[in-house]
PDB file of all heavy atoms in Angstrom:
ATOM      1  N   ILE A   1       8.165  52.259  15.724  1.00  0.00           N
ATOM      2  CA  ILE A   1       8.914  53.295  16.421  1.00  0.00           C
ATOM      3  C   ILE A   1       9.710  54.095  15.403  1.00  0.00           C
ATOM      4  O   ILE A   1      10.370  53.537  14.534  1.00  0.00           O
ATOM      5  CB  ILE A   1       9.825  52.684  17.515  1.00  0.00           C
ATOM      6  CG1 ILE A   1      10.524  53.790  18.308  1.00  0.00           C
ATOM      7  CG2 ILE A   1      10.829  51.709  16.912  1.00  0.00           C
ATOM      8  CD1 ILE A   1      11.167  53.279  19.592  1.00  0.00           C
ATOM      9  N   THR A   2       9.625  55.413  15.497  1.00  0.00           N
ATOM     10  CA  THR A   2      10.361  56.279  14.588  1.00  0.00           C
ATOM     11  C   THR A   2      11.784  56.468  15.070  1.00  0.00           C
ATOM     12  O   THR A   2      12.153  56.047  16.162  1.00  0.00           O
ATOM     13  CB  THR A   2       9.683  57.649  14.465  1.00  0.00           C
ATOM     14  OG1 THR A   2       9.813  58.352  15.708  1.00  0.00           O
ATOM     15  CG2 THR A   2       8.211  57.508  14.109  1.00  0.00           C
ATOM     16  N   ARG A   3      12.581  57.136  14.246  1.00  0.00           N
ATOM     17  CA  ARG A   3      13.955  57.420  14.627  1.00  0.00           C
ATOM     18  C   ARG A   3      14.006  58.299  15.872  1.00  0.00           C
ATOM     19  O   ARG A   3      14.949  58.212  16.654  1.00  0.00           O
ATOM     20  CB  ARG A   3      14.684  58.087  13.459  1.00  0.00           C
ATOM     21  CG  ARG A   3      16.178  58.158  13.596  1.00  0.00           C
ATOM     22  CD  ARG A   3      16.838  58.172  12.228  1.00  0.00           C
ATOM     23  NE  ARG A   3      16.252  59.161  11.345  1.00  0.00           N
ATOM     24  CZ  ARG A   3      16.508  59.247  10.041  1.00  0.00           C
ATOM     25  NH1 ARG A   3      17.351  58.391   9.482  1.00  0.00           N
ATOM     26  NH2 ARG A   3      15.918  60.180   9.301  1.00  0.00           N
ATOM     27  N   GLY A   4      12.973  59.117  16.052  1.00  0.00           N
ATOM     28  CA  GLY A   4      12.871  59.962  17.225  1.00  0.00           C
ATOM     29  C   GLY A   4      12.165  59.310  18.396  1.00  0.00           C
ATOM     30  O   GLY A   4      11.847  59.990  19.373  1.00  0.00           O
ATOM     31  N   SER A   5      11.875  58.013  18.290  1.00  0.00           N
ATOM     32  CA  SER A   5      11.296  57.199  19.363  1.00  0.00           C
ATOM     33  C   SER A   5       9.825  57.474  19.624  1.00  0.00           C
ATOM     34  O   SER A   5       9.327  57.232  20.725  1.00  0.00           O
ATOM     35  CB  SER A   5      12.099  57.352  20.660  1.00  0.00           C
ATOM     36  OG  SER A   5      13.411  56.845  20.504  1.00  0.00           O
ATOM     37  N   THR A   6       9.100  57.962  18.629  1.00  0.00           N
ATOM     38  CA  THR A   6       7.650  58.027  18.713  1.00  0.00           C
ATOM     39  C   THR A   6       7.089  56.645  18.398  1.00  0.00           C
ATOM     40  O   THR A   6       7.478  56.027  17.406  1.00  0.00           O
ATOM     41  CB  THR A   6       7.084  59.057  17.733  1.00  0.00           C
ATOM     42  OG1 THR A   6       7.590  60.351  18.060  1.00  0.00           O
ATOM     43  CG2 THR A   6       5.562  59.082  17.793  1.00  0.00           C
ATOM     44  N   THR A   7       6.176  56.157  19.219  1.00  0.00           N
ATOM     45  CA  THR A   7       5.696  54.782  19.093  1.00  0.00           C
ATOM     46  C   THR A   7       4.212  54.701  18.793  1.00  0.00           C
ATOM     47  O   THR A   7       3.436  55.597  19.125  1.00  0.00           O
ATOM     48  CB  THR A   7       5.976  53.992  20.374  1.00  0.00           C
ATOM     49  OG1 THR A   7       5.296  54.619  21.476  1.00  0.00           O
ATOM     50  CG2 THR A   7       7.467  53.952  20.675  1.00  0.00           C
ATOM     51  N   THR A   8       3.824  53.600  18.162  1.00  0.00           N
ATOM     52  CA  THR A   8       2.432  53.246  17.961  1.00  0.00           C
ATOM     53  C   THR A   8       2.276  51.762  18.247  1.00  0.00           C
ATOM     54  O   THR A   8       3.222  50.992  18.098  1.00  0.00           O
ATOM     55  CB  THR A   8       1.933  53.549  16.540  1.00  0.00           C
ATOM     56  OG1 THR A   8       2.680  52.766  15.597  1.00  0.00           O
ATOM     57  CG2 THR A   8       2.084  55.021  16.201  1.00  0.00           C
ATOM     58  N   TYR A   9       1.056  51.357  18.625  1.00  0.00           N
ATOM     59  CA  TYR A   9       0.792  49.971  18.970  1.00  0.00           C
ATOM     60  C   TYR A   9      -0.542  49.518  18.404  1.00  0.00           C
ATOM     61  O   TYR A   9      -1.484  50.302  18.288  1.00  0.00           O
ATOM     62  CB  TYR A   9       0.766  49.773  20.485  1.00  0.00           C
ATOM     63  CG  TYR A   9       2.068  50.080  21.165  1.00  0.00           C
ATOM     64  CD1 TYR A   9       2.334  51.349  21.666  1.00  0.00           C
ATOM     65  CD2 TYR A   9       3.040  49.092  21.306  1.00  0.00           C
ATOM     66  CE1 TYR A   9       3.537  51.629  22.291  1.00  0.00           C
ATOM     67  CE2 TYR A   9       4.239  49.367  21.929  1.00  0.00           C
ATOM     68  CZ  TYR A   9       4.490  50.636  22.419  1.00  0.00           C
ATOM     69  OH  TYR A   9       5.681  50.909  23.038  1.00  0.00           O
ATOM     70  N   ALA A  10      -0.616  48.237  18.086  1.00  0.00           N
ATOM     71  CA  ALA A  10      -1.889  47.639  17.760  1.00  0.00           C
ATOM     72  C   ALA A  10      -2.756  47.609  19.011  1.00  0.00           C
ATOM     73  O   ALA A  10      -2.250  47.480  20.133  1.00  0.00           O
ATOM     74  CB  ALA A  10      -1.698  46.225  17.223  1.00  0.00           C
ATOM     75  N   ASP A  11      -4.070  47.724  18.826  1.00  0.00           N
ATOM     76  CA  ASP A  11      -4.974  47.721  19.973  1.00  0.00           C
ATOM     77  C   ASP A  11      -4.826  46.456  20.819  1.00  0.00           C
ATOM     78  O   ASP A  11      -4.971  46.498  22.042  1.00  0.00           O
ATOM     79  CB  ASP A  11      -6.418  47.852  19.505  1.00  0.00           C
ATOM     80  CG  ASP A  11      -6.736  49.227  18.951  1.00  0.00           C
ATOM     81  OD1 ASP A  11      -5.971  50.178  19.219  1.00  0.00           O
ATOM     82  OD2 ASP A  11      -7.759  49.357  18.256  1.00  0.00           O
ATOM     83  N   SER A  12      -4.534  45.346  20.172  1.00  0.00           N
ATOM     84  CA  SER A  12      -4.462  44.072  20.865  1.00  0.00           C
ATOM     85  C   SER A  12      -3.290  43.958  21.829  1.00  0.00           C
ATOM     86  O   SER A  12      -3.304  43.097  22.720  1.00  0.00           O
ATOM     87  CB  SER A  12      -4.399  42.924  19.853  1.00  0.00           C
ATOM     88  OG  SER A  12      -3.270  43.062  19.012  1.00  0.00           O
ATOM     89  N   VAL A  13      -2.274  44.810  21.669  1.00  0.00           N
ATOM     90  CA  VAL A  13      -1.095  44.737  22.529  1.00  0.00           C
ATOM     91  C   VAL A  13      -0.896  45.998  23.350  1.00  0.00           C
ATOM     92  O   VAL A  13       0.014  46.046  24.190  1.00  0.00           O
ATOM     93  CB  VAL A  13       0.182  44.441  21.722  1.00  0.00           C
ATOM     94  CG1 VAL A  13      -0.002  43.189  20.878  1.00  0.00           C
ATOM     95  CG2 VAL A  13       0.567  45.627  20.842  1.00  0.00           C
ATOM     96  N   GLN A  14      -1.708  47.008  23.130  1.00  0.00           N
ATOM     97  CA  GLN A  14      -1.590  48.274  23.847  1.00  0.00           C
ATOM     98  C   GLN A  14      -1.635  48.037  25.349  1.00  0.00           C
ATOM     99  O   GLN A  14      -2.529  47.362  25.862  1.00  0.00           O
ATOM    100  CB  GLN A  14      -2.709  49.227  23.427  1.00  0.00           C
ATOM    101  CG  GLN A  14      -2.648  50.596  24.087  1.00  0.00           C
ATOM    102  CD  GLN A  14      -1.538  51.454  23.526  1.00  0.00           C
ATOM    103  OE1 GLN A  14      -1.372  51.547  22.298  1.00  0.00           O
ATOM    104  NE2 GLN A  14      -0.755  52.069  24.401  1.00  0.00           N
ATOM    105  N   GLY A  15      -0.672  48.582  26.050  1.00  0.00           N
ATOM    106  CA  GLY A  15      -0.614  48.439  27.492  1.00  0.00           C
ATOM    107  C   GLY A  15       0.146  47.223  27.966  1.00  0.00           C
ATOM    108  O   GLY A  15       0.472  47.131  29.158  1.00  0.00           O
ATOM    109  N   ARG A  16       0.432  46.284  27.067  1.00  0.00           N
ATOM    110  CA  ARG A  16       1.156  45.073  27.431  1.00  0.00           C
ATOM    111  C   ARG A  16       2.547  45.011  26.814  1.00  0.00           C
ATOM    112  O   ARG A  16       3.472  44.474  27.424  1.00  0.00           O
ATOM    113  CB  ARG A  16       0.377  43.826  27.009  1.00  0.00           C
ATOM    114  CG  ARG A  16      -0.990  43.699  27.665  1.00  0.00           C
ATOM    115  CD  ARG A  16      -1.631  42.359  27.357  1.00  0.00           C
ATOM    116  NE  ARG A  16      -1.884  42.191  25.926  1.00  0.00           N
ATOM    117  CZ  ARG A  16      -1.368  41.219  25.186  1.00  0.00           C
ATOM    118  NH1 ARG A  16      -0.574  40.313  25.743  1.00  0.00           N
ATOM    119  NH2 ARG A  16      -1.660  41.136  23.896  1.00  0.00           N
ATOM    120  N   PHE A  17       2.683  45.533  25.600  1.00  0.00           N
ATOM    121  CA  PHE A  17       3.958  45.496  24.882  1.00  0.00           C
ATOM    122  C   PHE A  17       4.576  46.884  24.847  1.00  0.00           C
ATOM    123  O   PHE A  17       3.867  47.898  24.802  1.00  0.00           O
ATOM    124  CB  PHE A  17       3.767  45.020  23.449  1.00  0.00           C
ATOM    125  CG  PHE A  17       3.372  43.575  23.288  1.00  0.00           C
ATOM    126  CD1 PHE A  17       3.017  42.799  24.383  1.00  0.00           C
ATOM    127  CD2 PHE A  17       3.352  43.007  22.030  1.00  0.00           C
ATOM    128  CE1 PHE A  17       2.650  41.475  24.228  1.00  0.00           C
ATOM    129  CE2 PHE A  17       2.989  41.684  21.865  1.00  0.00           C
ATOM    130  CZ  PHE A  17       2.636  40.917  22.954  1.00  0.00           C
ATOM    131  N   THR A  18       5.901  46.931  24.822  1.00  0.00           N
ATOM    132  CA  THR A  18       6.630  48.184  24.707  1.00  0.00           C
ATOM    133  C   THR A  18       7.747  48.031  23.687  1.00  0.00           C
ATOM    134  O   THR A  18       8.582  47.138  23.811  1.00  0.00           O
ATOM    135  CB  THR A  18       7.226  48.623  26.051  1.00  0.00           C
ATOM    136  OG1 THR A  18       6.193  48.756  27.028  1.00  0.00           O
ATOM    137  CG2 THR A  18       7.936  49.966  25.897  1.00  0.00           C
ATOM    138  N   ILE A  19       7.748  48.895  22.677  1.00  0.00           N
ATOM    139  CA  ILE A  19       8.808  48.898  21.686  1.00  0.00           C
ATOM    140  C   ILE A  19       9.800  50.000  22.033  1.00  0.00           C
ATOM    141  O   ILE A  19       9.415  51.076  22.496  1.00  0.00           O
ATOM    142  CB  ILE A  19       8.248  49.081  20.256  1.00  0.00           C
ATOM    143  CG1 ILE A  19       9.357  48.895  19.216  1.00  0.00           C
ATOM    144  CG2 ILE A  19       7.562  50.428  20.095  1.00  0.00           C
ATOM    145  CD1 ILE A  19       8.844  48.864  17.777  1.00  0.00           C
ATOM    146  N   SER A  20      11.070  49.731  21.825  1.00  0.00           N
ATOM    147  CA  SER A  20      12.108  50.718  22.089  1.00  0.00           C
ATOM    148  C   SER A  20      13.258  50.496  21.114  1.00  0.00           C
ATOM    149  O   SER A  20      13.332  49.463  20.448  1.00  0.00           O
ATOM    150  CB  SER A  20      12.603  50.636  23.538  1.00  0.00           C
ATOM    151  OG  SER A  20      13.164  49.362  23.807  1.00  0.00           O
ATOM    152  N   ARG A  21      14.153  51.464  21.025  1.00  0.00           N
ATOM    153  CA  ARG A  21      15.299  51.321  20.132  1.00  0.00           C
ATOM    154  C   ARG A  21      16.507  52.022  20.708  1.00  0.00           C
ATOM    155  O   ARG A  21      16.397  52.964  21.490  1.00  0.00           O
ATOM    156  CB  ARG A  21      14.981  51.864  18.732  1.00  0.00           C
ATOM    157  CG  ARG A  21      14.779  53.370  18.648  1.00  0.00           C
ATOM    158  CD  ARG A  21      14.220  53.780  17.286  1.00  0.00           C
ATOM    159  NE  ARG A  21      15.178  53.572  16.202  1.00  0.00           N
ATOM    160  CZ  ARG A  21      14.879  53.689  14.904  1.00  0.00           C
ATOM    161  NH1 ARG A  21      13.637  53.983  14.530  1.00  0.00           N
ATOM    162  NH2 ARG A  21      15.819  53.495  13.982  1.00  0.00           N
ATOM    163  N   ASP A  22      17.660  51.543  20.306  1.00  0.00           N
ATOM    164  CA  ASP A  22      18.930  52.136  20.657  1.00  0.00           C
ATOM    165  C   ASP A  22      19.637  52.418  19.343  1.00  0.00           C
ATOM    166  O   ASP A  22      20.220  51.523  18.733  1.00  0.00           O
ATOM    167  CB  ASP A  22      19.748  51.201  21.543  1.00  0.00           C
ATOM    168  CG  ASP A  22      21.023  51.840  22.063  1.00  0.00           C
ATOM    169  OD1 ASP A  22      21.553  52.761  21.408  1.00  0.00           O
ATOM    170  OD2 ASP A  22      21.505  51.418  23.124  1.00  0.00           O
ATOM    171  N   ASN A  23      19.556  53.648  18.889  1.00  0.00           N
ATOM    172  CA  ASN A  23      20.116  53.997  17.587  1.00  0.00           C
ATOM    173  C   ASN A  23      21.632  53.821  17.532  1.00  0.00           C
ATOM    174  O   ASN A  23      22.186  53.465  16.492  1.00  0.00           O
ATOM    175  CB  ASN A  23      19.747  55.438  17.228  1.00  0.00           C
ATOM    176  CG  ASN A  23      18.268  55.619  16.989  1.00  0.00           C
ATOM    177  OD1 ASN A  23      17.580  54.690  16.561  1.00  0.00           O
ATOM    178  ND2 ASN A  23      17.752  56.811  17.260  1.00  0.00           N
ATOM    179  N   ALA A  24      22.298  54.075  18.641  1.00  0.00           N
ATOM    180  CA  ALA A  24      23.752  53.934  18.678  1.00  0.00           C
ATOM    181  C   ALA A  24      24.179  52.487  18.484  1.00  0.00           C
ATOM    182  O   ALA A  24      25.240  52.216  17.922  1.00  0.00           O
ATOM    183  CB  ALA A  24      24.308  54.476  19.990  1.00  0.00           C
ATOM    184  N   LYS A  25      23.360  51.545  18.956  1.00  0.00           N
ATOM    185  CA  LYS A  25      23.671  50.126  18.838  1.00  0.00           C
ATOM    186  C   LYS A  25      22.959  49.450  17.675  1.00  0.00           C
ATOM    187  O   LYS A  25      23.127  48.251  17.465  1.00  0.00           O
ATOM    188  CB  LYS A  25      23.319  49.397  20.134  1.00  0.00           C
ATOM    189  CG  LYS A  25      24.140  49.826  21.335  1.00  0.00           C
ATOM    190  CD  LYS A  25      23.770  49.026  22.564  1.00  0.00           C
ATOM    191  CE  LYS A  25      24.628  49.403  23.747  1.00  0.00           C
ATOM    192  NZ  LYS A  25      24.279  48.624  24.955  1.00  0.00           N
ATOM    193  N   ASN A  26      22.149  50.213  16.939  1.00  0.00           N
ATOM    194  CA  ASN A  26      21.382  49.669  15.817  1.00  0.00           C
ATOM    195  C   ASN A  26      20.496  48.506  16.256  1.00  0.00           C
ATOM    196  O   ASN A  26      20.432  47.467  15.597  1.00  0.00           O
ATOM    197  CB  ASN A  26      22.314  49.234  14.686  1.00  0.00           C
ATOM    198  CG  ASN A  26      23.220  50.341  14.223  1.00  0.00           C
ATOM    199  OD1 ASN A  26      22.785  51.473  14.028  1.00  0.00           O
ATOM    200  ND2 ASN A  26      24.499  50.021  14.043  1.00  0.00           N
ATOM    201  N   MET A  27      19.807  48.696  17.369  1.00  0.00           N
ATOM    202  CA  MET A  27      18.962  47.659  17.939  1.00  0.00           C
ATOM    203  C   MET A  27      17.551  48.186  18.171  1.00  0.00           C
ATOM    204  O   MET A  27      17.351  49.366  18.476  1.00  0.00           O
ATOM    205  CB  MET A  27      19.518  47.169  19.275  1.00  0.00           C
ATOM    206  CG  MET A  27      20.894  46.536  19.201  1.00  0.00           C
ATOM    207  SD  MET A  27      20.839  44.867  18.508  1.00  0.00           S
ATOM    208  CE  MET A  27      20.012  43.984  19.816  1.00  0.00           C
ATOM    209  N   VAL A  28      16.583  47.304  18.030  1.00  0.00           N
ATOM    210  CA  VAL A  28      15.212  47.594  18.407  1.00  0.00           C
ATOM    211  C   VAL A  28      14.711  46.426  19.246  1.00  0.00           C
ATOM    212  O   VAL A  28      15.087  45.275  19.008  1.00  0.00           O
ATOM    213  CB  VAL A  28      14.316  47.839  17.172  1.00  0.00           C
ATOM    214  CG1 VAL A  28      14.230  46.596  16.300  1.00  0.00           C
ATOM    215  CG2 VAL A  28      12.936  48.305  17.600  1.00  0.00           C
ATOM    216  N   TYR A  29      13.873  46.727  20.228  1.00  0.00           N
ATOM    217  CA  TYR A  29      13.421  45.724  21.179  1.00  0.00           C
ATOM    218  C   TYR A  29      11.901  45.722  21.276  1.00  0.00           C
ATOM    219  O   TYR A  29      11.239  46.717  20.991  1.00  0.00           O
ATOM    220  CB  TYR A  29      13.989  45.999  22.570  1.00  0.00           C
ATOM    221  CG  TYR A  29      15.492  46.166  22.594  1.00  0.00           C
ATOM    222  CD1 TYR A  29      16.069  47.430  22.518  1.00  0.00           C
ATOM    223  CD2 TYR A  29      16.331  45.066  22.695  1.00  0.00           C
ATOM    224  CE1 TYR A  29      17.440  47.594  22.536  1.00  0.00           C
ATOM    225  CE2 TYR A  29      17.708  45.219  22.715  1.00  0.00           C
ATOM    226  CZ  TYR A  29      18.258  46.481  22.638  1.00  0.00           C
ATOM    227  OH  TYR A  29      19.623  46.628  22.656  1.00  0.00           O
ATOM    228  N   LEU A  30      11.370  44.601  21.707  1.00  0.00           N
ATOM    229  CA  LEU A  30       9.952  44.497  22.006  1.00  0.00           C
ATOM    230  C   LEU A  30       9.801  43.767  23.330  1.00  0.00           C
ATOM    231  O   LEU A  30      10.032  42.562  23.406  1.00  0.00           O
ATOM    232  CB  LEU A  30       9.195  43.749  20.906  1.00  0.00           C
ATOM    233  CG  LEU A  30       7.675  43.692  21.082  1.00  0.00           C
ATOM    234  CD1 LEU A  30       7.071  45.081  20.909  1.00  0.00           C
ATOM    235  CD2 LEU A  30       7.043  42.713  20.095  1.00  0.00           C
ATOM    236  N   GLN A  31       9.441  44.512  24.362  1.00  0.00           N
ATOM    237  CA  GLN A  31       9.174  43.928  25.664  1.00  0.00           C
ATOM    238  C   GLN A  31       7.717  43.498  25.705  1.00  0.00           C
ATOM    239  O   GLN A  31       6.823  44.327  25.520  1.00  0.00           O
ATOM    240  CB  GLN A  31       9.459  44.933  26.782  1.00  0.00           C
ATOM    241  CG  GLN A  31       9.162  44.415  28.178  1.00  0.00           C
ATOM    242  CD  GLN A  31      10.077  43.294  28.592  1.00  0.00           C
ATOM    243  OE1 GLN A  31      11.284  43.368  28.405  1.00  0.00           O
ATOM    244  NE2 GLN A  31       9.507  42.232  29.146  1.00  0.00           N
ATOM    245  N   MET A  32       7.474  42.222  25.937  1.00  0.00           N
ATOM    246  CA  MET A  32       6.127  41.668  25.919  1.00  0.00           C
ATOM    247  C   MET A  32       5.779  41.165  27.311  1.00  0.00           C
ATOM    248  O   MET A  32       6.410  40.233  27.817  1.00  0.00           O
ATOM    249  CB  MET A  32       6.022  40.541  24.897  1.00  0.00           C
ATOM    250  CG  MET A  32       6.445  40.945  23.491  1.00  0.00           C
ATOM    251  SD  MET A  32       6.195  39.613  22.281  1.00  0.00           S
ATOM    252  CE  MET A  32       7.388  38.415  22.889  1.00  0.00           C
ATOM    253  N   ASN A  33       4.784  41.769  27.918  1.00  0.00           N
ATOM    254  CA  ASN A  33       4.318  41.388  29.244  1.00  0.00           C
ATOM    255  C   ASN A  33       2.883  40.882  29.169  1.00  0.00           C
ATOM    256  O   ASN A  33       2.173  41.130  28.198  1.00  0.00           O
ATOM    257  CB  ASN A  33       4.393  42.573  30.206  1.00  0.00           C
ATOM    258  CG  ASN A  33       5.795  43.084  30.409  1.00  0.00           C
ATOM    259  OD1 ASN A  33       6.757  42.319  30.415  1.00  0.00           O
ATOM    260  ND2 ASN A  33       5.920  44.399  30.597  1.00  0.00           N
ATOM    261  N   SER A  34       2.462  40.181  30.213  1.00  0.00           N
ATOM    262  CA  SER A  34       1.097  39.651  30.297  1.00  0.00           C
ATOM    263  C   SER A  34       0.711  38.910  29.027  1.00  0.00           C
ATOM    264  O   SER A  34      -0.362  39.127  28.452  1.00  0.00           O
ATOM    265  CB  SER A  34       0.107  40.791  30.582  1.00  0.00           C
ATOM    266  OG  SER A  34       0.432  41.457  31.782  1.00  0.00           O
ATOM    267  N   LEU A  35       1.569  38.029  28.594  1.00  0.00           N
ATOM    268  CA  LEU A  35       1.357  37.327  27.338  1.00  0.00           C
ATOM    269  C   LEU A  35       0.132  36.425  27.396  1.00  0.00           C
ATOM    270  O   LEU A  35      -0.178  35.833  28.426  1.00  0.00           O
ATOM    271  CB  LEU A  35       2.591  36.510  26.973  1.00  0.00           C
ATOM    272  CG  LEU A  35       3.748  37.341  26.412  1.00  0.00           C
ATOM    273  CD1 LEU A  35       5.055  36.564  26.484  1.00  0.00           C
ATOM    274  CD2 LEU A  35       3.452  37.740  24.965  1.00  0.00           C
ATOM    275  N   LYS A  36      -0.544  36.345  26.261  1.00  0.00           N
ATOM    276  CA  LYS A  36      -1.746  35.537  26.107  1.00  0.00           C
ATOM    277  C   LYS A  36      -1.521  34.491  25.023  1.00  0.00           C
ATOM    278  O   LYS A  36      -0.693  34.690  24.134  1.00  0.00           O
ATOM    279  CB  LYS A  36      -2.937  36.424  25.712  1.00  0.00           C
ATOM    280  CG  LYS A  36      -3.217  37.572  26.657  1.00  0.00           C
ATOM    281  CD  LYS A  36      -4.320  38.461  26.110  1.00  0.00           C
ATOM    282  CE  LYS A  36      -4.609  39.625  27.029  1.00  0.00           C
ATOM    283  NZ  LYS A  36      -5.676  40.501  26.491  1.00  0.00           N
ATOM    284  N   PRO A  37      -2.263  33.388  25.061  1.00  0.00           N
ATOM    285  CA  PRO A  37      -2.119  32.379  24.001  1.00  0.00           C
ATOM    286  C   PRO A  37      -2.304  32.952  22.603  1.00  0.00           C
ATOM    287  O   PRO A  37      -1.644  32.496  21.662  1.00  0.00           O
ATOM    288  CB  PRO A  37      -3.204  31.358  24.343  1.00  0.00           C
ATOM    289  CG  PRO A  37      -3.339  31.451  25.821  1.00  0.00           C
ATOM    290  CD  PRO A  37      -3.165  32.918  26.130  1.00  0.00           C
ATOM    291  N   GLU A  38      -3.167  33.943  22.448  1.00  0.00           N
ATOM    292  CA  GLU A  38      -3.388  34.539  21.142  1.00  0.00           C
ATOM    293  C   GLU A  38      -2.215  35.374  20.646  1.00  0.00           C
ATOM    294  O   GLU A  38      -2.212  35.826  19.502  1.00  0.00           O
ATOM    295  CB  GLU A  38      -4.673  35.386  21.131  1.00  0.00           C
ATOM    296  CG  GLU A  38      -4.762  36.375  22.272  1.00  0.00           C
ATOM    297  CD  GLU A  38      -5.591  35.850  23.434  1.00  0.00           C
ATOM    298  OE1 GLU A  38      -5.419  34.671  23.810  1.00  0.00           O
ATOM    299  OE2 GLU A  38      -6.419  36.621  23.968  1.00  0.00           O
ATOM    300  N   ASP A  39      -1.209  35.586  21.488  1.00  0.00           N
ATOM    301  CA  ASP A  39       0.012  36.254  21.056  1.00  0.00           C
ATOM    302  C   ASP A  39       0.963  35.303  20.340  1.00  0.00           C
ATOM    303  O   ASP A  39       1.983  35.743  19.802  1.00  0.00           O
ATOM    304  CB  ASP A  39       0.741  36.878  22.248  1.00  0.00           C
ATOM    305  CG  ASP A  39      -0.037  38.008  22.895  1.00  0.00           C
ATOM    306  OD1 ASP A  39      -0.638  38.824  22.165  1.00  0.00           O
ATOM    307  OD2 ASP A  39      -0.032  38.090  24.142  1.00  0.00           O
TER     308      ASP A  39
END
C-alpha cells in the first residue's frame, strides 16, 4: 500500500485479504478473510 492508499495483492490472496493504513496513527493493517491452510 502506498502513502496515497493505492494497493496491490498477490494472486493467491486477491479477493480475500485487504490491506489498509492510517497515516495519522502510523498503522497498517491486513484483514484476512476466508483463510486457508496454505496461508
